[in-house]
N, C-alpha and C. Protein backbone atom coordinates (compact mmCIF):
# COMPACT_ATOMS: atom_id res chain seq x y z
N MET A 1 66.29 -132.46 -11.60
CA MET A 1 67.68 -132.81 -11.94
C MET A 1 67.92 -134.27 -11.58
N ARG A 2 68.49 -135.01 -12.51
CA ARG A 2 68.75 -136.44 -12.28
C ARG A 2 70.21 -136.63 -11.86
N TYR A 3 70.37 -137.36 -10.76
CA TYR A 3 71.70 -137.61 -10.22
C TYR A 3 72.02 -139.10 -10.26
N GLU A 4 73.30 -139.42 -10.37
CA GLU A 4 73.77 -140.80 -10.30
C GLU A 4 75.01 -140.87 -9.42
N PHE A 5 75.05 -141.86 -8.54
CA PHE A 5 76.24 -142.09 -7.73
C PHE A 5 77.12 -143.13 -8.41
N ARG A 6 78.42 -142.92 -8.29
CA ARG A 6 79.40 -143.89 -8.78
C ARG A 6 80.55 -143.98 -7.79
N PRO A 7 81.23 -145.12 -7.78
CA PRO A 7 82.35 -145.28 -6.84
C PRO A 7 83.47 -144.29 -7.13
N LEU A 8 84.18 -143.91 -6.10
CA LEU A 8 85.28 -142.96 -6.21
C LEU A 8 86.56 -143.56 -5.67
N THR A 9 87.63 -143.42 -6.44
CA THR A 9 88.97 -143.70 -5.94
C THR A 9 89.63 -142.35 -5.73
N TRP A 10 89.86 -141.96 -4.48
CA TRP A 10 90.39 -140.62 -4.20
C TRP A 10 91.87 -140.57 -4.54
N THR A 11 92.22 -139.77 -5.55
CA THR A 11 93.61 -139.66 -5.98
C THR A 11 94.15 -138.25 -5.79
N ASP A 12 93.29 -137.31 -5.34
CA ASP A 12 93.75 -135.95 -5.10
C ASP A 12 94.53 -135.89 -3.78
N LYS A 13 95.18 -134.78 -3.54
CA LYS A 13 95.92 -134.60 -2.30
C LYS A 13 94.96 -134.58 -1.11
N GLU A 14 95.34 -135.26 -0.04
CA GLU A 14 94.51 -135.32 1.15
C GLU A 14 94.52 -133.98 1.89
N THR A 15 93.35 -133.54 2.35
CA THR A 15 93.27 -132.34 3.18
C THR A 15 93.65 -132.69 4.62
N ASP A 16 94.57 -131.95 5.18
CA ASP A 16 95.02 -132.23 6.55
C ASP A 16 95.44 -130.91 7.22
N PRO A 17 94.75 -130.48 8.27
CA PRO A 17 93.63 -131.19 8.90
C PRO A 17 92.31 -130.85 8.20
N ARG A 18 91.33 -131.72 8.40
CA ARG A 18 90.00 -131.45 7.86
C ARG A 18 89.18 -130.67 8.88
N ARG A 19 88.16 -129.97 8.39
CA ARG A 19 87.25 -129.23 9.25
C ARG A 19 86.08 -130.12 9.66
N SER A 20 85.40 -129.73 10.72
CA SER A 20 84.27 -130.51 11.20
C SER A 20 83.05 -130.31 10.30
N SER A 21 82.38 -131.40 9.97
CA SER A 21 81.16 -131.31 9.18
C SER A 21 80.04 -130.63 9.96
N GLY A 22 80.23 -130.50 11.28
CA GLY A 22 79.23 -129.84 12.11
C GLY A 22 79.07 -128.36 11.80
N LEU A 23 79.98 -127.82 10.96
CA LEU A 23 79.86 -126.43 10.54
C LEU A 23 78.55 -126.20 9.78
N PHE A 24 78.09 -127.25 9.08
CA PHE A 24 76.88 -127.12 8.28
C PHE A 24 75.67 -127.66 9.06
N ARG A 25 74.62 -126.88 9.11
CA ARG A 25 73.37 -127.29 9.74
C ARG A 25 72.32 -127.43 8.65
N ALA A 26 72.40 -128.49 7.91
CA ALA A 26 71.48 -128.66 6.78
C ALA A 26 71.16 -130.13 6.60
N SER A 27 69.95 -130.39 6.13
CA SER A 27 69.55 -131.77 5.85
C SER A 27 69.99 -132.13 4.43
N TRP A 28 69.97 -133.42 4.14
CA TRP A 28 70.31 -133.89 2.79
C TRP A 28 69.36 -133.30 1.74
N PRO A 29 68.04 -133.26 1.97
CA PRO A 29 67.14 -132.62 0.99
C PRO A 29 67.48 -131.14 0.76
N ASP A 30 67.87 -130.44 1.83
CA ASP A 30 68.23 -129.03 1.68
C ASP A 30 69.46 -128.86 0.79
N THR A 31 70.44 -129.75 0.98
CA THR A 31 71.65 -129.69 0.17
C THR A 31 71.32 -129.98 -1.29
N LEU A 32 70.50 -130.99 -1.55
CA LEU A 32 70.12 -131.30 -2.93
C LEU A 32 69.35 -130.14 -3.56
N LYS A 33 68.50 -129.49 -2.79
CA LYS A 33 67.74 -128.35 -3.31
C LYS A 33 68.68 -127.22 -3.71
N LEU A 34 69.64 -126.92 -2.84
CA LEU A 34 70.62 -125.87 -3.13
C LEU A 34 71.44 -126.22 -4.36
N LEU A 35 71.94 -127.45 -4.41
CA LEU A 35 72.77 -127.87 -5.52
C LEU A 35 71.99 -127.86 -6.83
N THR A 36 70.75 -128.32 -6.79
CA THR A 36 69.92 -128.35 -7.99
C THR A 36 69.72 -126.94 -8.54
N ALA A 37 69.48 -125.98 -7.67
CA ALA A 37 69.28 -124.60 -8.11
C ALA A 37 70.53 -124.07 -8.81
N GLU A 38 71.71 -124.35 -8.26
CA GLU A 38 72.95 -123.88 -8.88
C GLU A 38 73.21 -124.57 -10.21
N LEU A 39 72.94 -125.87 -10.26
CA LEU A 39 73.18 -126.62 -11.49
C LEU A 39 72.24 -126.18 -12.60
N GLU A 40 71.01 -125.88 -12.26
CA GLU A 40 70.06 -125.41 -13.28
C GLU A 40 70.51 -124.09 -13.88
N LEU A 41 71.09 -123.21 -13.07
CA LEU A 41 71.60 -121.94 -13.58
C LEU A 41 72.79 -122.15 -14.50
N LEU A 42 73.53 -123.23 -14.28
CA LEU A 42 74.66 -123.57 -15.14
C LEU A 42 74.23 -124.40 -16.35
N GLU A 43 72.91 -124.68 -16.42
CA GLU A 43 72.37 -125.52 -17.50
C GLU A 43 73.08 -126.86 -17.54
N ALA A 44 73.19 -127.47 -16.38
CA ALA A 44 73.88 -128.76 -16.26
C ALA A 44 73.18 -129.83 -17.08
N VAL A 45 73.98 -130.70 -17.67
CA VAL A 45 73.47 -131.80 -18.48
C VAL A 45 73.26 -133.01 -17.59
N GLU A 46 72.09 -133.58 -17.64
CA GLU A 46 71.79 -134.78 -16.85
C GLU A 46 72.35 -136.03 -17.52
N PRO A 47 72.76 -137.05 -16.74
CA PRO A 47 72.76 -137.05 -15.28
C PRO A 47 74.00 -136.37 -14.71
N VAL A 48 73.83 -135.74 -13.56
CA VAL A 48 74.96 -135.19 -12.82
C VAL A 48 75.53 -136.34 -11.99
N VAL A 49 76.84 -136.53 -12.07
CA VAL A 49 77.47 -137.68 -11.44
C VAL A 49 78.12 -137.30 -10.11
N PHE A 50 77.69 -137.98 -9.04
CA PHE A 50 78.34 -137.86 -7.74
C PHE A 50 79.26 -139.07 -7.58
N GLN A 51 80.49 -138.86 -7.17
CA GLN A 51 81.39 -139.96 -6.86
C GLN A 51 81.74 -139.92 -5.38
N VAL A 52 81.51 -141.03 -4.71
CA VAL A 52 81.85 -141.18 -3.30
C VAL A 52 82.50 -142.55 -3.11
N ASP A 53 83.15 -142.72 -1.98
CA ASP A 53 83.90 -143.96 -1.72
C ASP A 53 82.97 -145.08 -1.26
N VAL A 54 82.29 -145.69 -2.23
CA VAL A 54 81.41 -146.82 -1.97
C VAL A 54 81.69 -147.90 -3.01
N THR A 55 81.09 -149.06 -2.83
CA THR A 55 81.20 -150.12 -3.82
C THR A 55 79.99 -150.06 -4.75
N GLU A 56 80.05 -150.78 -5.85
CA GLU A 56 78.91 -150.85 -6.76
C GLU A 56 77.68 -151.39 -6.05
N GLY A 57 77.89 -152.30 -5.09
CA GLY A 57 76.78 -152.89 -4.37
C GLY A 57 76.04 -151.90 -3.48
N ASP A 58 76.69 -150.76 -3.18
CA ASP A 58 76.05 -149.74 -2.35
C ASP A 58 75.14 -148.81 -3.16
N ILE A 59 75.12 -149.00 -4.48
CA ILE A 59 74.35 -148.12 -5.36
C ILE A 59 73.13 -148.86 -5.88
N ARG A 60 71.96 -148.24 -5.77
CA ARG A 60 70.73 -148.83 -6.24
C ARG A 60 70.66 -148.82 -7.76
N LEU A 61 69.69 -149.54 -8.31
CA LEU A 61 69.52 -149.60 -9.76
C LEU A 61 69.20 -148.24 -10.36
N ASP A 62 68.58 -147.35 -9.55
CA ASP A 62 68.24 -146.02 -10.06
C ASP A 62 69.41 -145.04 -9.95
N GLY A 63 70.58 -145.54 -9.51
CA GLY A 63 71.77 -144.70 -9.44
C GLY A 63 71.98 -143.99 -8.13
N MET A 64 71.04 -144.10 -7.19
CA MET A 64 71.18 -143.43 -5.89
C MET A 64 71.77 -144.40 -4.86
N LEU A 65 72.22 -143.85 -3.74
CA LEU A 65 72.84 -144.68 -2.70
C LEU A 65 71.79 -145.47 -1.93
N ARG A 66 72.15 -146.68 -1.54
CA ARG A 66 71.28 -147.45 -0.65
C ARG A 66 71.29 -146.82 0.74
N ALA A 67 70.22 -147.04 1.49
CA ALA A 67 70.11 -146.45 2.82
C ALA A 67 71.21 -146.93 3.75
N ASN A 68 71.68 -148.16 3.55
CA ASN A 68 72.72 -148.72 4.42
C ASN A 68 74.12 -148.65 3.81
N ALA A 69 74.29 -147.83 2.79
CA ALA A 69 75.60 -147.71 2.14
C ALA A 69 76.64 -147.19 3.12
N LYS A 70 77.81 -147.79 3.08
CA LYS A 70 78.91 -147.38 3.95
C LYS A 70 79.94 -146.61 3.12
N VAL A 71 80.05 -145.32 3.40
CA VAL A 71 80.98 -144.46 2.67
C VAL A 71 82.30 -144.41 3.43
N GLY A 72 83.39 -144.71 2.74
CA GLY A 72 84.70 -144.74 3.38
C GLY A 72 85.34 -143.36 3.44
N HIS A 73 86.15 -143.04 2.47
CA HIS A 73 86.85 -141.76 2.41
C HIS A 73 85.83 -140.62 2.35
N PRO A 74 86.09 -139.50 3.04
CA PRO A 74 85.13 -138.39 3.05
C PRO A 74 85.03 -137.62 1.74
N GLY A 75 85.99 -137.82 0.84
CA GLY A 75 86.03 -137.04 -0.39
C GLY A 75 84.82 -137.27 -1.29
N VAL A 76 84.43 -136.22 -1.99
CA VAL A 76 83.32 -136.25 -2.94
C VAL A 76 83.76 -135.55 -4.22
N ALA A 77 83.34 -136.09 -5.35
CA ALA A 77 83.56 -135.41 -6.63
C ALA A 77 82.23 -135.32 -7.36
N ILE A 78 82.02 -134.22 -8.06
CA ILE A 78 80.80 -134.03 -8.83
C ILE A 78 81.21 -133.62 -10.24
N SER A 79 80.64 -134.28 -11.25
CA SER A 79 80.99 -134.01 -12.64
C SER A 79 79.71 -133.81 -13.45
N PHE A 80 79.76 -132.86 -14.38
CA PHE A 80 78.59 -132.61 -15.22
C PHE A 80 78.98 -131.75 -16.41
N GLY A 81 78.21 -131.89 -17.47
CA GLY A 81 78.36 -130.99 -18.59
C GLY A 81 77.60 -129.71 -18.29
N SER A 82 78.02 -128.59 -18.85
CA SER A 82 77.37 -127.31 -18.58
C SER A 82 77.49 -126.41 -19.80
N LYS A 83 76.90 -125.22 -19.70
CA LYS A 83 77.01 -124.27 -20.82
C LYS A 83 78.43 -123.76 -20.98
N TYR A 84 79.29 -124.04 -20.00
CA TYR A 84 80.70 -123.67 -20.09
C TYR A 84 81.59 -124.86 -20.43
N GLY A 85 80.98 -125.99 -20.74
CA GLY A 85 81.74 -127.20 -21.02
C GLY A 85 81.72 -128.15 -19.83
N PRO A 86 82.45 -129.27 -19.90
CA PRO A 86 82.47 -130.22 -18.79
C PRO A 86 83.17 -129.63 -17.57
N LEU A 87 82.55 -129.79 -16.41
CA LEU A 87 83.11 -129.26 -15.16
C LEU A 87 83.19 -130.37 -14.13
N ARG A 88 84.18 -130.27 -13.26
CA ARG A 88 84.34 -131.24 -12.18
C ARG A 88 84.83 -130.51 -10.93
N TYR A 89 84.22 -130.83 -9.79
CA TYR A 89 84.63 -130.27 -8.52
C TYR A 89 84.80 -131.41 -7.52
N ALA A 90 85.82 -131.33 -6.70
CA ALA A 90 86.06 -132.38 -5.71
C ALA A 90 86.65 -131.77 -4.45
N THR A 91 86.25 -132.31 -3.30
CA THR A 91 86.83 -131.85 -2.03
C THR A 91 86.70 -132.93 -0.97
N ASP A 92 87.66 -132.93 -0.06
CA ASP A 92 87.59 -133.79 1.14
C ASP A 92 87.86 -132.94 2.37
N ALA A 93 87.48 -131.65 2.31
CA ALA A 93 87.85 -130.69 3.35
C ALA A 93 87.13 -130.90 4.67
N TYR A 94 86.00 -131.64 4.66
CA TYR A 94 85.20 -131.80 5.88
C TYR A 94 85.06 -133.26 6.25
N GLU A 95 84.97 -133.53 7.56
CA GLU A 95 84.72 -134.88 8.02
C GLU A 95 83.87 -134.84 9.29
N GLN A 96 83.13 -135.92 9.51
CA GLN A 96 82.28 -136.01 10.70
C GLN A 96 83.15 -136.28 11.91
N GLN A 97 83.24 -135.32 12.80
CA GLN A 97 84.13 -135.43 13.96
C GLN A 97 83.39 -135.70 15.26
N TRP A 98 82.06 -135.66 15.22
CA TRP A 98 81.30 -136.02 16.41
C TRP A 98 79.94 -136.56 15.98
N SER A 99 79.41 -137.44 16.80
CA SER A 99 78.15 -138.10 16.49
C SER A 99 77.03 -137.07 16.36
N GLY A 100 76.22 -137.24 15.35
CA GLY A 100 75.11 -136.34 15.12
C GLY A 100 75.41 -135.25 14.11
N ALA A 101 76.70 -135.05 13.81
CA ALA A 101 77.07 -134.06 12.80
C ALA A 101 76.77 -134.62 11.41
N LEU A 102 76.76 -133.76 10.44
CA LEU A 102 76.48 -134.15 9.07
C LEU A 102 77.51 -135.19 8.61
N PRO A 103 77.08 -136.26 7.92
CA PRO A 103 78.05 -137.22 7.38
C PRO A 103 79.08 -136.51 6.52
N SER A 104 80.30 -137.01 6.54
CA SER A 104 81.41 -136.34 5.86
C SER A 104 81.11 -136.03 4.40
N TRP A 105 80.64 -137.04 3.64
CA TRP A 105 80.44 -136.83 2.21
C TRP A 105 79.34 -135.82 1.93
N GLN A 106 78.31 -135.78 2.79
CA GLN A 106 77.24 -134.80 2.59
C GLN A 106 77.75 -133.38 2.86
N ALA A 107 78.62 -133.23 3.85
CA ALA A 107 79.19 -131.91 4.14
C ALA A 107 80.05 -131.44 2.98
N ASN A 108 80.83 -132.35 2.40
CA ASN A 108 81.67 -131.97 1.27
C ASN A 108 80.85 -131.64 0.03
N LEU A 109 79.75 -132.34 -0.15
CA LEU A 109 78.88 -132.04 -1.28
C LEU A 109 78.23 -130.66 -1.08
N ARG A 110 77.84 -130.36 0.16
CA ARG A 110 77.27 -129.05 0.43
C ARG A 110 78.31 -127.95 0.20
N ALA A 111 79.55 -128.21 0.55
CA ALA A 111 80.61 -127.24 0.32
C ALA A 111 80.74 -126.94 -1.17
N ILE A 112 80.61 -127.97 -2.01
CA ILE A 112 80.68 -127.77 -3.45
C ILE A 112 79.50 -126.92 -3.93
N ALA A 113 78.31 -127.21 -3.40
CA ALA A 113 77.13 -126.43 -3.79
C ALA A 113 77.31 -124.96 -3.42
N LEU A 114 77.85 -124.69 -2.23
CA LEU A 114 78.08 -123.32 -1.81
C LEU A 114 79.17 -122.66 -2.66
N ALA A 115 80.16 -123.43 -3.06
CA ALA A 115 81.23 -122.90 -3.90
C ALA A 115 80.68 -122.50 -5.27
N LEU A 116 79.75 -123.29 -5.81
CA LEU A 116 79.14 -122.94 -7.08
C LEU A 116 78.39 -121.61 -6.96
N GLY A 117 77.71 -121.41 -5.83
CA GLY A 117 77.02 -120.14 -5.61
C GLY A 117 78.00 -118.98 -5.53
N ALA A 118 79.14 -119.21 -4.89
CA ALA A 118 80.15 -118.16 -4.76
C ALA A 118 80.74 -117.80 -6.12
N LEU A 119 80.97 -118.81 -6.96
CA LEU A 119 81.50 -118.54 -8.30
C LEU A 119 80.49 -117.75 -9.12
N ARG A 120 79.22 -118.11 -9.00
CA ARG A 120 78.18 -117.39 -9.74
C ARG A 120 78.11 -115.93 -9.29
N ALA A 121 78.37 -115.69 -8.01
CA ALA A 121 78.29 -114.33 -7.47
C ALA A 121 79.35 -113.41 -8.08
N VAL A 122 80.39 -113.98 -8.67
CA VAL A 122 81.43 -113.16 -9.31
C VAL A 122 80.82 -112.31 -10.41
N ASP A 123 79.75 -112.82 -11.05
CA ASP A 123 79.10 -112.08 -12.13
C ASP A 123 78.35 -110.85 -11.63
N ARG A 124 78.18 -110.75 -10.33
CA ARG A 124 77.35 -109.68 -9.76
C ARG A 124 77.85 -108.29 -10.16
N TYR A 125 79.16 -108.15 -10.32
CA TYR A 125 79.72 -106.84 -10.62
C TYR A 125 80.00 -106.65 -12.10
N GLY A 126 79.52 -107.57 -12.94
CA GLY A 126 79.63 -107.39 -14.38
C GLY A 126 81.03 -107.55 -14.94
N VAL A 127 81.92 -108.21 -14.18
CA VAL A 127 83.30 -108.37 -14.65
C VAL A 127 83.43 -109.56 -15.59
N THR A 128 82.74 -110.66 -15.29
CA THR A 128 82.83 -111.85 -16.13
C THR A 128 81.52 -112.04 -16.87
N LYS A 129 81.62 -112.28 -18.16
CA LYS A 129 80.44 -112.47 -18.99
C LYS A 129 80.46 -113.80 -19.74
N ARG A 130 81.60 -114.45 -19.75
CA ARG A 130 81.74 -115.70 -20.50
C ARG A 130 82.11 -116.88 -19.60
N GLY A 131 81.84 -116.75 -18.31
CA GLY A 131 82.13 -117.84 -17.40
C GLY A 131 83.60 -118.06 -17.13
N GLU A 132 84.38 -116.96 -17.17
CA GLU A 132 85.82 -117.11 -16.96
C GLU A 132 86.15 -117.75 -15.62
N GLN A 133 85.30 -117.53 -14.62
CA GLN A 133 85.58 -118.06 -13.28
C GLN A 133 85.49 -119.58 -13.24
N TYR A 134 84.92 -120.20 -14.27
CA TYR A 134 84.78 -121.66 -14.28
C TYR A 134 85.89 -122.36 -15.06
N THR A 135 86.70 -121.62 -15.80
CA THR A 135 87.65 -122.26 -16.69
C THR A 135 88.70 -123.07 -15.97
N GLY A 136 88.98 -122.73 -14.71
CA GLY A 136 89.99 -123.48 -13.95
C GLY A 136 89.56 -124.89 -13.65
N TRP A 137 88.27 -125.19 -13.80
CA TRP A 137 87.78 -126.53 -13.49
C TRP A 137 87.48 -127.35 -14.74
N LYS A 138 87.78 -126.78 -15.92
CA LYS A 138 87.58 -127.56 -17.14
C LYS A 138 88.72 -128.56 -17.28
N ALA A 139 88.48 -129.61 -18.05
CA ALA A 139 89.53 -130.61 -18.29
C ALA A 139 90.69 -129.95 -19.01
N ILE A 140 91.90 -130.15 -18.51
CA ILE A 140 93.09 -129.57 -19.13
C ILE A 140 93.82 -130.67 -19.89
N THR A 141 93.97 -130.48 -21.17
CA THR A 141 94.65 -131.49 -22.00
C THR A 141 95.77 -130.82 -22.78
N GLY A 142 96.72 -131.66 -23.21
CA GLY A 142 97.78 -131.15 -24.06
C GLY A 142 98.76 -130.24 -23.35
N SER A 143 98.88 -130.34 -22.05
CA SER A 143 99.78 -129.45 -21.32
C SER A 143 101.23 -129.88 -21.45
N GLY A 144 101.44 -131.15 -21.83
CA GLY A 144 102.80 -131.64 -21.97
C GLY A 144 103.39 -132.15 -20.68
N THR A 145 102.65 -132.04 -19.57
CA THR A 145 103.14 -132.49 -18.27
C THR A 145 102.29 -133.64 -17.78
N SER A 146 102.89 -134.78 -17.51
CA SER A 146 102.13 -135.94 -17.08
C SER A 146 101.83 -135.85 -15.59
N ILE A 147 100.64 -136.32 -15.22
CA ILE A 147 100.28 -136.35 -13.80
C ILE A 147 100.91 -137.55 -13.11
N PHE A 148 101.45 -138.51 -13.90
CA PHE A 148 102.09 -139.69 -13.34
C PHE A 148 103.61 -139.53 -13.40
N GLY A 149 104.27 -139.97 -12.34
CA GLY A 149 105.71 -139.89 -12.34
C GLY A 149 106.36 -140.93 -13.25
N THR A 150 105.83 -142.16 -13.22
CA THR A 150 106.40 -143.25 -13.99
C THR A 150 105.29 -144.10 -14.60
N ALA A 151 105.68 -145.02 -15.49
CA ALA A 151 104.71 -145.95 -16.07
C ALA A 151 104.10 -146.83 -14.99
N SER A 152 104.89 -147.18 -13.99
CA SER A 152 104.38 -148.00 -12.89
C SER A 152 103.28 -147.26 -12.11
N ASP A 153 103.46 -145.94 -11.94
CA ASP A 153 102.43 -145.14 -11.28
C ASP A 153 101.13 -145.17 -12.08
N ALA A 154 101.27 -145.08 -13.39
CA ALA A 154 100.10 -145.08 -14.26
C ALA A 154 99.36 -146.42 -14.18
N GLU A 155 100.12 -147.52 -14.19
CA GLU A 155 99.50 -148.84 -14.10
C GLU A 155 98.82 -149.03 -12.75
N GLU A 156 99.47 -148.59 -11.69
CA GLU A 156 98.89 -148.72 -10.34
C GLU A 156 97.58 -147.94 -10.25
N TRP A 157 97.57 -146.74 -10.84
CA TRP A 157 96.35 -145.93 -10.82
C TRP A 157 95.21 -146.64 -11.55
N MET A 158 95.51 -147.23 -12.72
CA MET A 158 94.48 -147.94 -13.47
C MET A 158 93.93 -149.11 -12.67
N ARG A 159 94.78 -149.81 -11.96
CA ARG A 159 94.31 -150.96 -11.16
C ARG A 159 93.43 -150.48 -9.99
N LYS A 160 93.75 -149.33 -9.41
CA LYS A 160 92.93 -148.79 -8.34
C LYS A 160 91.55 -148.38 -8.86
N VAL A 161 91.51 -147.77 -10.03
CA VAL A 161 90.23 -147.37 -10.61
C VAL A 161 89.39 -148.60 -10.92
N TYR A 162 90.02 -149.63 -11.50
CA TYR A 162 89.29 -150.85 -11.82
C TYR A 162 88.73 -151.49 -10.56
N ALA A 163 89.55 -151.57 -9.51
CA ALA A 163 89.12 -152.20 -8.26
C ALA A 163 87.96 -151.42 -7.63
N ALA A 164 88.02 -150.09 -7.70
CA ALA A 164 86.94 -149.28 -7.13
C ALA A 164 85.64 -149.48 -7.90
N ASP A 165 85.75 -149.65 -9.21
CA ASP A 165 84.55 -149.82 -10.04
C ASP A 165 83.94 -151.21 -9.90
N ASN A 166 84.79 -152.22 -9.70
CA ASN A 166 84.32 -153.60 -9.78
C ASN A 166 84.32 -154.35 -8.45
N GLY A 167 84.89 -153.76 -7.42
CA GLY A 167 84.90 -154.41 -6.12
C GLY A 167 85.94 -155.50 -5.98
N HIS A 168 86.82 -155.63 -6.96
CA HIS A 168 87.90 -156.63 -6.87
C HIS A 168 89.03 -156.19 -7.79
N HIS A 169 90.21 -156.73 -7.54
CA HIS A 169 91.38 -156.37 -8.33
C HIS A 169 91.42 -157.19 -9.62
N SER A 170 92.17 -156.70 -10.58
CA SER A 170 92.33 -157.39 -11.85
C SER A 170 93.79 -157.76 -12.05
N ASP A 171 94.01 -158.98 -12.56
CA ASP A 171 95.37 -159.43 -12.88
C ASP A 171 95.68 -159.25 -14.36
N ALA A 172 94.78 -158.58 -15.09
CA ALA A 172 94.98 -158.39 -16.52
C ALA A 172 96.23 -157.56 -16.79
N ASP A 173 96.83 -157.76 -17.95
CA ASP A 173 98.00 -156.96 -18.31
C ASP A 173 97.54 -155.53 -18.59
N PRO A 174 98.45 -154.55 -18.56
CA PRO A 174 98.05 -153.14 -18.71
C PRO A 174 97.25 -152.86 -19.97
N HIS A 175 97.56 -153.55 -21.08
CA HIS A 175 96.84 -153.32 -22.33
C HIS A 175 95.38 -153.72 -22.20
N ALA A 176 95.13 -154.90 -21.64
CA ALA A 176 93.76 -155.37 -21.46
C ALA A 176 93.02 -154.52 -20.43
N LEU A 177 93.75 -154.13 -19.39
CA LEU A 177 93.14 -153.31 -18.35
C LEU A 177 92.72 -151.96 -18.91
N TYR A 178 93.58 -151.39 -19.74
CA TYR A 178 93.24 -150.11 -20.37
C TYR A 178 91.97 -150.24 -21.21
N ARG A 179 91.88 -151.29 -22.01
CA ARG A 179 90.71 -151.46 -22.88
C ARG A 179 89.42 -151.57 -22.06
N ARG A 180 89.49 -152.26 -20.93
CA ARG A 180 88.30 -152.39 -20.08
C ARG A 180 87.88 -151.04 -19.51
N LEU A 181 88.87 -150.28 -19.02
CA LEU A 181 88.55 -148.97 -18.46
C LEU A 181 88.08 -148.00 -19.53
N ALA A 182 88.66 -148.11 -20.73
CA ALA A 182 88.28 -147.21 -21.82
C ALA A 182 86.81 -147.40 -22.19
N LYS A 183 86.32 -148.64 -22.13
CA LYS A 183 84.91 -148.89 -22.42
C LYS A 183 84.01 -148.21 -21.39
N THR A 184 84.48 -148.18 -20.14
CA THR A 184 83.68 -147.58 -19.06
C THR A 184 83.72 -146.06 -19.08
N TYR A 185 84.88 -145.49 -19.40
CA TYR A 185 85.06 -144.05 -19.24
C TYR A 185 85.17 -143.27 -20.55
N HIS A 186 84.87 -143.92 -21.68
CA HIS A 186 84.86 -143.19 -22.95
C HIS A 186 83.85 -142.04 -22.86
N PRO A 187 84.19 -140.86 -23.39
CA PRO A 187 83.27 -139.70 -23.30
C PRO A 187 81.88 -139.95 -23.88
N ASP A 188 81.75 -140.93 -24.76
CA ASP A 188 80.43 -141.21 -25.34
C ASP A 188 79.48 -141.84 -24.32
N VAL A 189 80.05 -142.44 -23.27
CA VAL A 189 79.20 -143.15 -22.30
C VAL A 189 79.39 -142.68 -20.87
N ASN A 190 80.36 -141.81 -20.63
CA ASN A 190 80.65 -141.39 -19.25
C ASN A 190 81.04 -139.92 -19.23
N ILE A 191 80.42 -139.16 -18.34
CA ILE A 191 80.66 -137.72 -18.28
C ILE A 191 81.93 -137.37 -17.51
N ASN A 192 82.54 -138.36 -16.85
CA ASN A 192 83.73 -138.07 -16.02
C ASN A 192 84.95 -137.90 -16.92
N SER A 193 85.12 -136.71 -17.45
CA SER A 193 86.20 -136.46 -18.40
C SER A 193 87.57 -136.51 -17.74
N GLU A 194 87.66 -136.25 -16.43
CA GLU A 194 88.96 -136.25 -15.78
C GLU A 194 89.59 -137.64 -15.80
N ILE A 195 88.80 -138.66 -15.48
CA ILE A 195 89.34 -140.01 -15.50
C ILE A 195 89.74 -140.39 -16.92
N TRP A 196 88.93 -140.01 -17.91
CA TRP A 196 89.27 -140.31 -19.31
C TRP A 196 90.60 -139.65 -19.67
N ASP A 197 90.79 -138.39 -19.29
CA ASP A 197 92.03 -137.69 -19.61
C ASP A 197 93.22 -138.36 -18.93
N ARG A 198 93.04 -138.78 -17.69
CA ARG A 198 94.14 -139.47 -16.99
C ARG A 198 94.43 -140.81 -17.64
N LEU A 199 93.37 -141.44 -18.10
CA LEU A 199 93.54 -142.74 -18.77
C LEU A 199 94.36 -142.60 -20.04
N GLN A 200 94.16 -141.49 -20.76
CA GLN A 200 94.94 -141.28 -21.98
C GLN A 200 96.41 -141.01 -21.67
N GLU A 201 96.66 -140.34 -20.55
CA GLU A 201 98.06 -140.13 -20.14
C GLU A 201 98.71 -141.45 -19.74
N ALA A 202 97.94 -142.29 -19.06
CA ALA A 202 98.45 -143.61 -18.68
C ALA A 202 98.76 -144.42 -19.93
N ARG A 203 97.88 -144.33 -20.91
CA ARG A 203 98.08 -145.05 -22.17
C ARG A 203 99.40 -144.64 -22.85
N GLN A 204 99.68 -143.35 -22.85
CA GLN A 204 100.92 -142.88 -23.49
C GLN A 204 102.15 -143.37 -22.74
N LEU A 205 102.11 -143.28 -21.41
CA LEU A 205 103.26 -143.73 -20.62
C LEU A 205 103.53 -145.22 -20.77
N LEU A 206 102.44 -145.99 -20.88
CA LEU A 206 102.56 -147.45 -20.98
C LEU A 206 102.70 -147.92 -22.41
N ASP A 207 102.69 -146.95 -23.36
CA ASP A 207 102.84 -147.26 -24.78
C ASP A 207 101.81 -148.28 -25.25
N ILE A 208 100.56 -148.02 -24.90
CA ILE A 208 99.47 -148.91 -25.29
C ILE A 208 98.93 -148.46 -26.64
N ARG A 209 98.92 -149.37 -27.60
CA ARG A 209 98.45 -149.04 -28.97
C ARG A 209 97.01 -149.45 -29.16
């Protein structure tokens, strides 16, 4: 399974309080092995995208994290195509609370891997046959309810995404900023459908043609 890391701007609700990452006694290779097994059963489409709070400079040319990468926010998101459509999971429920415990982002990634196993176990009793347990994580569009309160919220979100991707802020007007982000997150080139969907909502609020 091929993985790629990308920067993350955490926009979900913060978990408070978080649990200790020391709950998990697993190495990074063990977590990848577990996650790979679950993704293969879901027929995940490569590359599987991990998003963590790092800069572009913390990511190697092969898409993996550098050994000295400094991860800020503990939150992790994972996105991939599957036999049930595009899926995304994100959590910041765990953090490293004492030295020697699992790094925060690794604990959260392991939590996602375990959650995938738990969802798969729902099929054990023959109740779900079409992946109904995964539908809550598919991209939701056309709901008629905006995730942004105002146009200013939408513009601020776009600037945060741009800064996280590029390591610096942009003074471009919203129209130009949208076009730049659209090139990065268009579904033809990026599997992160959630950001694309949010970008389209921002476009509507800002009346970008």
